Amino acid sequence: MNGSIAPRRRMCGATLVELVVSVVVLSVSITGILMVIAQTVQHSADPMRLTQANAIAQAYMEEILSRAPTDPAGGDTGGPEAGEQRATYDDVNDYDGLSDQGVIDQNGQPVAGLAAWRVNVSVRPGTLEGANGQRIEVRVRHAADADFTLSLAAWRFE
């Protein structure tokens, strides 16, 4: 030995400041990613809910449009006649004011798995391009989402 001090080898590694900056950057990145995932999960059922609501509205509309435009027995009251139930509705006007809490088939039986849906029907006389008819509107909404309403409208002419 010649009495000199051996040169120090340069140590490789990260300083505390570099580690803190890395943790902050990772935290911000992960937070952003988790927010996107949460937003996606929150709205992932929207297309399915829209499709289900559309199918319900179309089923009700098909049932209504299959009926006569006015009461075949005469004496149309603009709604269901006394003693009529859904299974005996015979004209479009009988459906005015129908309000189902849960989807109900035309025989009055609840449809399994669709109890959270609400269906309201209105039938109003009107004129479309000079022709007299009835404007039928079926509104469907889900109990879990007060902001979601699907409306389906159609006209029935004599």
N, C-alpha and C. Protein backbone atom coordinates (compact mmCIF):
# COMPACT_ATOMS: atom_id res chain seq x y z
N MET A 1 0.82 -1.16 0.00
CA MET A 1 0.00 0.00 0.00
C MET A 1 0.87 1.22 0.00
N ASN A 2 0.40 2.08 -0.71
CA ASN A 2 1.20 3.28 -0.81
C ASN A 2 0.66 4.40 0.07
N GLY A 3 -0.32 4.13 0.89
CA GLY A 3 -0.85 5.10 1.83
C GLY A 3 -1.95 5.96 1.25
N SER A 4 -2.31 5.72 0.02
CA SER A 4 -3.41 6.53 -0.53
C SER A 4 -4.74 5.83 -0.26
N ILE A 5 -5.73 6.62 -0.25
CA ILE A 5 -7.08 6.08 -0.01
C ILE A 5 -7.64 5.62 -1.34
N ALA A 6 -8.21 4.47 -1.29
CA ALA A 6 -8.80 3.94 -2.51
C ALA A 6 -9.98 4.80 -2.94
N PRO A 7 -10.12 5.05 -4.21
CA PRO A 7 -11.24 5.89 -4.68
C PRO A 7 -12.58 5.22 -4.34
N ARG A 8 -13.54 6.05 -3.96
CA ARG A 8 -14.89 5.52 -3.66
C ARG A 8 -15.60 5.19 -4.95
N ARG A 9 -16.24 4.10 -4.88
CA ARG A 9 -17.03 3.73 -6.05
C ARG A 9 -18.35 4.49 -6.00
N ARG A 10 -18.81 4.95 -7.13
CA ARG A 10 -20.07 5.69 -7.18
C ARG A 10 -21.20 4.70 -6.97
N MET A 11 -22.08 5.00 -6.01
CA MET A 11 -23.20 4.12 -5.72
C MET A 11 -24.36 4.46 -6.64
N CYS A 12 -25.02 3.45 -7.15
CA CYS A 12 -26.18 3.64 -8.01
C CYS A 12 -27.42 3.40 -7.18
N GLY A 13 -28.45 4.19 -7.41
CA GLY A 13 -29.70 4.03 -6.67
C GLY A 13 -30.52 5.30 -6.81
N ALA A 14 -31.62 5.34 -6.10
CA ALA A 14 -32.52 6.49 -6.16
C ALA A 14 -32.48 7.23 -4.84
N THR A 15 -32.62 8.52 -4.96
CA THR A 15 -32.66 9.32 -3.74
C THR A 15 -34.09 9.32 -3.20
N LEU A 16 -34.22 9.79 -2.01
CA LEU A 16 -35.53 9.85 -1.37
C LEU A 16 -36.47 10.73 -2.16
N VAL A 17 -35.99 11.82 -2.69
CA VAL A 17 -36.81 12.74 -3.48
C VAL A 17 -37.32 12.04 -4.74
N GLU A 18 -36.46 11.29 -5.40
CA GLU A 18 -36.88 10.56 -6.60
C GLU A 18 -37.94 9.52 -6.27
N LEU A 19 -37.82 8.86 -5.15
CA LEU A 19 -38.83 7.87 -4.73
C LEU A 19 -40.17 8.53 -4.44
N VAL A 20 -40.16 9.66 -3.77
CA VAL A 20 -41.40 10.37 -3.45
C VAL A 20 -42.09 10.84 -4.73
N VAL A 21 -41.31 11.39 -5.67
CA VAL A 21 -41.88 11.84 -6.94
C VAL A 21 -42.48 10.65 -7.69
N SER A 22 -41.81 9.52 -7.70
CA SER A 22 -42.33 8.32 -8.36
C SER A 22 -43.64 7.86 -7.75
N VAL A 23 -43.72 7.86 -6.43
CA VAL A 23 -44.95 7.44 -5.74
C VAL A 23 -46.10 8.39 -6.09
N VAL A 24 -45.85 9.69 -6.14
CA VAL A 24 -46.88 10.67 -6.47
C VAL A 24 -47.37 10.45 -7.90
N VAL A 25 -46.45 10.28 -8.83
CA VAL A 25 -46.84 10.06 -10.23
C VAL A 25 -47.66 8.79 -10.37
N LEU A 26 -47.24 7.72 -9.73
CA LEU A 26 -48.00 6.47 -9.79
C LEU A 26 -49.38 6.62 -9.17
N SER A 27 -49.46 7.33 -8.05
CA SER A 27 -50.75 7.52 -7.37
C SER A 27 -51.73 8.29 -8.25
N VAL A 28 -51.26 9.34 -8.89
CA VAL A 28 -52.12 10.12 -9.77
C VAL A 28 -52.57 9.27 -10.96
N SER A 29 -51.67 8.50 -11.52
CA SER A 29 -52.00 7.63 -12.65
C SER A 29 -53.03 6.59 -12.26
N ILE A 30 -52.83 5.93 -11.16
CA ILE A 30 -53.75 4.88 -10.70
C ILE A 30 -55.11 5.47 -10.37
N THR A 31 -55.14 6.66 -9.76
CA THR A 31 -56.41 7.32 -9.44
C THR A 31 -57.19 7.61 -10.72
N GLY A 32 -56.52 8.10 -11.74
CA GLY A 32 -57.18 8.36 -13.02
C GLY A 32 -57.74 7.10 -13.65
N ILE A 33 -56.97 6.05 -13.62
CA ILE A 33 -57.42 4.77 -14.19
C ILE A 33 -58.62 4.24 -13.42
N LEU A 34 -58.58 4.31 -12.10
CA LEU A 34 -59.70 3.83 -11.29
C LEU A 34 -60.96 4.65 -11.51
N MET A 35 -60.81 5.95 -11.74
CA MET A 35 -61.98 6.78 -12.02
C MET A 35 -62.63 6.39 -13.34
N VAL A 36 -61.83 6.09 -14.35
CA VAL A 36 -62.36 5.65 -15.64
C VAL A 36 -63.07 4.30 -15.48
N ILE A 37 -62.48 3.40 -14.75
CA ILE A 37 -63.11 2.09 -14.52
C ILE A 37 -64.42 2.24 -13.77
N ALA A 38 -64.45 3.10 -12.74
CA ALA A 38 -65.67 3.31 -11.97
C ALA A 38 -66.77 3.89 -12.85
N GLN A 39 -66.44 4.82 -13.71
CA GLN A 39 -67.42 5.43 -14.61
C GLN A 39 -67.95 4.38 -15.59
N THR A 40 -67.09 3.55 -16.09
CA THR A 40 -67.49 2.50 -17.03
C THR A 40 -68.42 1.50 -16.36
N VAL A 41 -68.07 1.09 -15.17
CA VAL A 41 -68.90 0.12 -14.44
C VAL A 41 -70.26 0.72 -14.11
N GLN A 42 -70.28 1.99 -13.75
CA GLN A 42 -71.52 2.65 -13.38
C GLN A 42 -72.50 2.68 -14.55
N HIS A 43 -72.01 2.84 -15.76
CA HIS A 43 -72.88 2.96 -16.93
C HIS A 43 -72.90 1.71 -17.80
N SER A 44 -72.34 0.63 -17.35
CA SER A 44 -72.27 -0.57 -18.17
C SER A 44 -73.63 -1.21 -18.40
N ALA A 45 -74.60 -0.98 -17.51
CA ALA A 45 -75.92 -1.57 -17.65
C ALA A 45 -76.85 -0.71 -18.49
N ASP A 46 -76.45 0.51 -18.85
CA ASP A 46 -77.33 1.40 -19.60
C ASP A 46 -77.83 0.80 -20.92
N PRO A 47 -76.97 0.24 -21.77
CA PRO A 47 -77.49 -0.34 -23.01
C PRO A 47 -78.46 -1.49 -22.76
N MET A 48 -78.19 -2.30 -21.75
CA MET A 48 -79.09 -3.40 -21.44
C MET A 48 -80.44 -2.87 -20.94
N ARG A 49 -80.39 -1.83 -20.10
CA ARG A 49 -81.63 -1.24 -19.57
C ARG A 49 -82.44 -0.62 -20.71
N LEU A 50 -81.77 0.05 -21.63
CA LEU A 50 -82.45 0.65 -22.77
C LEU A 50 -83.10 -0.42 -23.65
N THR A 51 -82.39 -1.50 -23.90
CA THR A 51 -82.92 -2.59 -24.70
C THR A 51 -84.12 -3.23 -24.02
N GLN A 52 -84.04 -3.44 -22.71
CA GLN A 52 -85.15 -4.04 -21.98
C GLN A 52 -86.37 -3.12 -21.99
N ALA A 53 -86.16 -1.83 -21.76
CA ALA A 53 -87.27 -0.87 -21.77
C ALA A 53 -87.94 -0.82 -23.14
N ASN A 54 -87.13 -0.86 -24.19
CA ASN A 54 -87.67 -0.84 -25.54
C ASN A 54 -88.51 -2.09 -25.81
N ALA A 55 -88.04 -3.24 -25.38
CA ALA A 55 -88.80 -4.49 -25.58
C ALA A 55 -90.13 -4.45 -24.82
N ILE A 56 -90.12 -3.90 -23.61
CA ILE A 56 -91.35 -3.79 -22.82
C ILE A 56 -92.33 -2.86 -23.51
N ALA A 57 -91.85 -1.68 -23.93
CA ALA A 57 -92.72 -0.70 -24.59
C ALA A 57 -93.30 -1.27 -25.88
N GLN A 58 -92.50 -1.98 -26.64
CA GLN A 58 -92.99 -2.56 -27.89
C GLN A 58 -94.04 -3.64 -27.64
N ALA A 59 -93.84 -4.43 -26.59
CA ALA A 59 -94.82 -5.47 -26.27
C ALA A 59 -96.17 -4.84 -25.91
N TYR A 60 -96.14 -3.80 -25.07
CA TYR A 60 -97.39 -3.11 -24.72
C TYR A 60 -98.01 -2.48 -25.97
N MET A 61 -97.20 -1.84 -26.80
CA MET A 61 -97.71 -1.17 -27.99
C MET A 61 -98.34 -2.17 -28.95
N GLU A 62 -97.71 -3.32 -29.14
CA GLU A 62 -98.28 -4.34 -30.02
C GLU A 62 -99.63 -4.81 -29.50
N GLU A 63 -99.72 -4.99 -28.20
CA GLU A 63 -100.99 -5.40 -27.60
C GLU A 63 -102.07 -4.35 -27.87
N ILE A 64 -101.74 -3.08 -27.65
CA ILE A 64 -102.71 -2.01 -27.82
C ILE A 64 -103.13 -1.87 -29.28
N LEU A 65 -102.16 -1.89 -30.19
CA LEU A 65 -102.47 -1.70 -31.61
C LEU A 65 -103.23 -2.88 -32.21
N SER A 66 -103.24 -4.02 -31.53
CA SER A 66 -104.01 -5.17 -32.04
C SER A 66 -105.50 -5.03 -31.74
N ARG A 67 -105.88 -4.02 -30.95
CA ARG A 67 -107.29 -3.81 -30.61
C ARG A 67 -107.94 -2.86 -31.62
N ALA A 68 -109.26 -2.88 -31.63
CA ALA A 68 -110.04 -2.00 -32.51
C ALA A 68 -109.82 -0.54 -32.10
N PRO A 69 -109.93 0.39 -33.06
CA PRO A 69 -109.72 1.80 -32.71
C PRO A 69 -110.82 2.34 -31.79
N THR A 70 -112.02 1.86 -31.92
CA THR A 70 -113.12 2.27 -31.04
C THR A 70 -113.84 1.03 -30.53
N ASP A 71 -114.66 1.21 -29.52
CA ASP A 71 -115.35 0.08 -28.88
C ASP A 71 -116.28 -0.60 -29.89
N PRO A 72 -116.08 -1.89 -30.15
CA PRO A 72 -116.93 -2.60 -31.11
C PRO A 72 -118.40 -2.63 -30.68
N ALA A 73 -118.67 -2.57 -29.39
CA ALA A 73 -120.05 -2.60 -28.91
C ALA A 73 -120.67 -1.21 -28.90
N GLY A 74 -119.91 -0.18 -29.24
CA GLY A 74 -120.41 1.20 -29.19
C GLY A 74 -120.29 1.74 -27.78
N GLY A 75 -120.62 3.00 -27.63
CA GLY A 75 -120.59 3.62 -26.31
C GLY A 75 -119.18 3.75 -25.75
N ASP A 76 -118.24 4.13 -26.60
CA ASP A 76 -116.85 4.29 -26.15
C ASP A 76 -116.76 5.37 -25.08
N THR A 77 -116.11 5.07 -23.99
CA THR A 77 -116.00 6.01 -22.87
C THR A 77 -114.66 6.73 -22.81
N GLY A 78 -113.77 6.42 -23.72
CA GLY A 78 -112.44 7.04 -23.68
C GLY A 78 -111.52 6.38 -22.68
N GLY A 79 -111.92 5.28 -22.14
CA GLY A 79 -111.15 4.50 -21.18
C GLY A 79 -111.81 3.15 -21.06
N PRO A 80 -111.42 2.36 -20.10
CA PRO A 80 -112.09 1.06 -19.96
C PRO A 80 -113.55 1.22 -19.52
N GLU A 81 -114.41 0.43 -20.12
CA GLU A 81 -115.81 0.47 -19.74
C GLU A 81 -115.98 -0.20 -18.38
N ALA A 82 -117.09 0.08 -17.73
CA ALA A 82 -117.35 -0.46 -16.39
C ALA A 82 -117.23 -1.98 -16.41
N GLY A 83 -116.48 -2.49 -15.47
CA GLY A 83 -116.31 -3.94 -15.33
C GLY A 83 -115.22 -4.54 -16.20
N GLU A 84 -114.65 -3.75 -17.09
CA GLU A 84 -113.60 -4.30 -17.96
C GLU A 84 -112.28 -4.40 -17.20
N GLN A 85 -111.58 -5.47 -17.46
CA GLN A 85 -110.23 -5.66 -16.96
C GLN A 85 -109.32 -5.79 -18.17
N ARG A 86 -108.04 -5.76 -17.92
CA ARG A 86 -107.09 -5.77 -19.03
C ARG A 86 -107.32 -6.94 -19.98
N ALA A 87 -107.67 -8.07 -19.46
CA ALA A 87 -107.88 -9.25 -20.31
C ALA A 87 -109.08 -9.07 -21.23
N THR A 88 -110.00 -8.17 -20.89
CA THR A 88 -111.20 -7.97 -21.72
C THR A 88 -111.18 -6.64 -22.48
N TYR A 89 -110.06 -5.92 -22.44
CA TYR A 89 -109.97 -4.68 -23.21
C TYR A 89 -110.19 -5.02 -24.68
N ASP A 90 -111.10 -4.28 -25.33
CA ASP A 90 -111.42 -4.60 -26.72
C ASP A 90 -111.17 -3.43 -27.68
N ASP A 91 -110.73 -2.29 -27.16
CA ASP A 91 -110.42 -1.16 -28.04
C ASP A 91 -109.24 -0.38 -27.48
N VAL A 92 -108.65 0.44 -28.33
CA VAL A 92 -107.46 1.21 -27.98
C VAL A 92 -107.71 2.12 -26.78
N ASN A 93 -108.87 2.76 -26.74
CA ASN A 93 -109.17 3.71 -25.67
C ASN A 93 -109.21 3.07 -24.29
N ASP A 94 -109.45 1.77 -24.22
CA ASP A 94 -109.49 1.09 -22.92
C ASP A 94 -108.15 1.19 -22.19
N TYR A 95 -107.08 1.37 -22.93
CA TYR A 95 -105.73 1.41 -22.33
C TYR A 95 -105.37 2.78 -21.76
N ASP A 96 -106.18 3.81 -22.04
CA ASP A 96 -105.85 5.14 -21.54
C ASP A 96 -105.83 5.13 -20.02
N GLY A 97 -104.73 5.60 -19.47
CA GLY A 97 -104.58 5.66 -18.02
C GLY A 97 -104.03 4.38 -17.40
N LEU A 98 -103.71 3.38 -18.22
CA LEU A 98 -103.14 2.15 -17.68
C LEU A 98 -101.82 2.46 -16.98
N SER A 99 -101.66 1.98 -15.78
CA SER A 99 -100.44 2.21 -15.01
C SER A 99 -100.09 0.91 -14.30
N ASP A 100 -99.04 0.26 -14.77
CA ASP A 100 -98.60 -1.01 -14.19
C ASP A 100 -97.34 -0.80 -13.37
N GLN A 101 -97.37 -1.24 -12.14
CA GLN A 101 -96.19 -1.24 -11.27
C GLN A 101 -95.59 -2.63 -11.39
N GLY A 102 -94.64 -2.77 -12.26
CA GLY A 102 -94.14 -4.08 -12.66
C GLY A 102 -94.81 -4.44 -13.96
N VAL A 103 -94.13 -5.15 -14.82
CA VAL A 103 -94.69 -5.50 -16.12
C VAL A 103 -95.73 -6.59 -15.93
N ILE A 104 -96.92 -6.33 -16.49
CA ILE A 104 -98.05 -7.25 -16.38
C ILE A 104 -98.44 -7.68 -17.79
N ASP A 105 -98.67 -8.98 -18.00
CA ASP A 105 -99.10 -9.41 -19.33
C ASP A 105 -100.58 -9.10 -19.52
N GLN A 106 -101.09 -9.34 -20.73
CA GLN A 106 -102.47 -8.97 -21.04
C GLN A 106 -103.50 -9.78 -20.28
N ASN A 107 -103.09 -10.86 -19.62
CA ASN A 107 -104.00 -11.65 -18.80
C ASN A 107 -103.95 -11.26 -17.33
N GLY A 108 -103.17 -10.22 -17.03
CA GLY A 108 -103.10 -9.73 -15.66
C GLY A 108 -102.05 -10.43 -14.80
N GLN A 109 -101.19 -11.20 -15.41
CA GLN A 109 -100.15 -11.93 -14.67
C GLN A 109 -98.84 -11.15 -14.71
N PRO A 110 -98.17 -11.01 -13.55
CA PRO A 110 -96.86 -10.35 -13.56
C PRO A 110 -95.83 -11.15 -14.35
N VAL A 111 -94.97 -10.43 -15.05
CA VAL A 111 -93.91 -11.08 -15.82
C VAL A 111 -92.69 -11.21 -14.91
N ALA A 112 -92.21 -12.42 -14.74
CA ALA A 112 -91.10 -12.70 -13.83
C ALA A 112 -89.86 -11.90 -14.20
N GLY A 113 -89.22 -11.33 -13.18
CA GLY A 113 -87.98 -10.60 -13.37
C GLY A 113 -88.14 -9.16 -13.81
N LEU A 114 -89.39 -8.70 -14.00
CA LEU A 114 -89.59 -7.33 -14.49
C LEU A 114 -90.41 -6.50 -13.51
N ALA A 115 -90.33 -6.83 -12.23
CA ALA A 115 -91.11 -6.12 -11.21
C ALA A 115 -90.62 -4.70 -10.97
N ALA A 116 -89.37 -4.39 -11.31
CA ALA A 116 -88.82 -3.06 -11.05
C ALA A 116 -89.20 -2.04 -12.13
N TRP A 117 -89.87 -2.48 -13.17
CA TRP A 117 -90.25 -1.59 -14.25
C TRP A 117 -91.63 -0.99 -14.00
N ARG A 118 -91.82 0.24 -14.44
CA ARG A 118 -93.11 0.93 -14.34
C ARG A 118 -93.56 1.30 -15.75
N VAL A 119 -94.84 1.01 -16.06
CA VAL A 119 -95.37 1.26 -17.40
C VAL A 119 -96.62 2.13 -17.28
N ASN A 120 -96.67 3.21 -18.04
CA ASN A 120 -97.84 4.08 -18.09
C ASN A 120 -98.24 4.28 -19.55
N VAL A 121 -99.55 4.26 -19.79
CA VAL A 121 -100.07 4.39 -21.14
C VAL A 121 -101.05 5.57 -21.18
N SER A 122 -100.95 6.36 -22.24
CA SER A 122 -101.95 7.40 -22.48
C SER A 122 -102.42 7.31 -23.93
N VAL A 123 -103.71 7.51 -24.11
CA VAL A 123 -104.31 7.51 -25.45
C VAL A 123 -105.08 8.81 -25.57
N ARG A 124 -104.71 9.61 -26.58
CA ARG A 124 -105.34 10.91 -26.78
C ARG A 124 -105.80 11.05 -28.22
N PRO A 125 -107.02 11.56 -28.41
CA PRO A 125 -107.45 11.82 -29.79
C PRO A 125 -106.62 12.95 -30.38
N GLY A 126 -106.40 12.89 -31.67
CA GLY A 126 -105.63 13.93 -32.32
C GLY A 126 -105.75 13.85 -33.82
N THR A 127 -105.09 14.78 -34.48
CA THR A 127 -105.10 14.84 -35.94
C THR A 127 -103.66 14.84 -36.41
N LEU A 128 -103.38 13.97 -37.35
CA LEU A 128 -102.04 13.90 -37.94
C LEU A 128 -102.20 14.03 -39.44
N GLU A 129 -101.68 15.12 -39.99
CA GLU A 129 -101.77 15.41 -41.43
C GLU A 129 -103.21 15.31 -41.93
N GLY A 130 -104.13 15.87 -41.16
CA GLY A 130 -105.53 15.93 -41.56
C GLY A 130 -106.35 14.68 -41.27
N ALA A 131 -105.72 13.64 -40.78
CA ALA A 131 -106.45 12.40 -40.46
C ALA A 131 -106.68 12.32 -38.96
N ASN A 132 -107.92 12.02 -38.60
CA ASN A 132 -108.26 11.86 -37.18
C ASN A 132 -107.84 10.49 -36.70
N GLY A 133 -107.27 10.47 -35.53
CA GLY A 133 -106.83 9.20 -34.97
C GLY A 133 -106.57 9.33 -33.48
N GLN A 134 -105.86 8.38 -32.96
CA GLN A 134 -105.50 8.37 -31.55
C GLN A 134 -103.99 8.25 -31.44
N ARG A 135 -103.42 9.12 -30.61
CA ARG A 135 -101.99 9.06 -30.35
C ARG A 135 -101.80 8.23 -29.08
N ILE A 136 -101.07 7.15 -29.21
CA ILE A 136 -100.82 6.23 -28.10
C ILE A 136 -99.38 6.43 -27.65
N GLU A 137 -99.20 6.62 -26.35
CA GLU A 137 -97.85 6.76 -25.81
C GLU A 137 -97.67 5.78 -24.67
N VAL A 138 -96.61 5.00 -24.76
CA VAL A 138 -96.24 4.06 -23.70
C VAL A 138 -94.95 4.58 -23.10
N ARG A 139 -94.97 4.85 -21.79
CA ARG A 139 -93.78 5.32 -21.07
C ARG A 139 -93.31 4.22 -20.12
N VAL A 140 -92.04 3.91 -20.21
CA VAL A 140 -91.45 2.85 -19.40
C VAL A 140 -90.30 3.46 -18.61
N ARG A 141 -90.26 3.16 -17.32
CA ARG A 141 -89.14 3.63 -16.49
C ARG A 141 -88.76 2.54 -15.50
N HIS A 142 -87.56 2.67 -14.98
CA HIS A 142 -87.04 1.68 -14.03
C HIS A 142 -87.02 2.31 -12.65
N ALA A 143 -87.45 1.56 -11.64
CA ALA A 143 -87.55 2.07 -10.27
C ALA A 143 -86.19 2.51 -9.72
N ALA A 144 -85.11 1.90 -10.17
CA ALA A 144 -83.78 2.21 -9.64
C ALA A 144 -83.17 3.47 -10.25
N ASP A 145 -83.77 4.00 -11.33
CA ASP A 145 -83.20 5.16 -12.00
C ASP A 145 -84.32 6.12 -12.37
N ALA A 146 -84.56 7.10 -11.52
CA ALA A 146 -85.65 8.05 -11.73
C ALA A 146 -85.42 8.93 -12.96
N ASP A 147 -84.18 9.07 -13.41
CA ASP A 147 -83.88 9.91 -14.57
C ASP A 147 -84.10 9.19 -15.91
N PHE A 148 -84.31 7.88 -15.86
CA PHE A 148 -84.44 7.11 -17.09
C PHE A 148 -85.91 6.88 -17.41
N THR A 149 -86.35 7.36 -18.56
CA THR A 149 -87.70 7.10 -19.06
C THR A 149 -87.60 6.89 -20.55
N LEU A 150 -88.23 5.84 -21.04
CA LEU A 150 -88.30 5.59 -22.47
C LEU A 150 -89.76 5.77 -22.88
N SER A 151 -89.99 6.58 -23.91
CA SER A 151 -91.34 6.79 -24.42
C SER A 151 -91.42 6.26 -25.84
N LEU A 152 -92.49 5.54 -26.11
CA LEU A 152 -92.74 5.01 -27.44
C LEU A 152 -94.13 5.49 -27.84
N ALA A 153 -94.24 6.15 -28.99
CA ALA A 153 -95.52 6.69 -29.42
C ALA A 153 -95.89 6.12 -30.79
N ALA A 154 -97.19 5.97 -30.99
CA ALA A 154 -97.71 5.49 -32.26
C ALA A 154 -99.09 6.10 -32.47
N TRP A 155 -99.54 6.07 -33.69
CA TRP A 155 -100.87 6.56 -34.03
C TRP A 155 -101.72 5.40 -34.50
N ARG A 156 -102.99 5.46 -34.15
CA ARG A 156 -103.97 4.45 -34.63
C ARG A 156 -105.09 5.21 -35.32
N PHE A 157 -105.34 4.87 -36.56
CA PHE A 157 -106.38 5.54 -37.35
C PHE A 157 -107.52 4.58 -37.62
N GLU A 158 -108.71 5.14 -37.80
CA GLU A 158 -109.89 4.31 -38.05
C GLU A 158 -109.90 3.80 -39.46
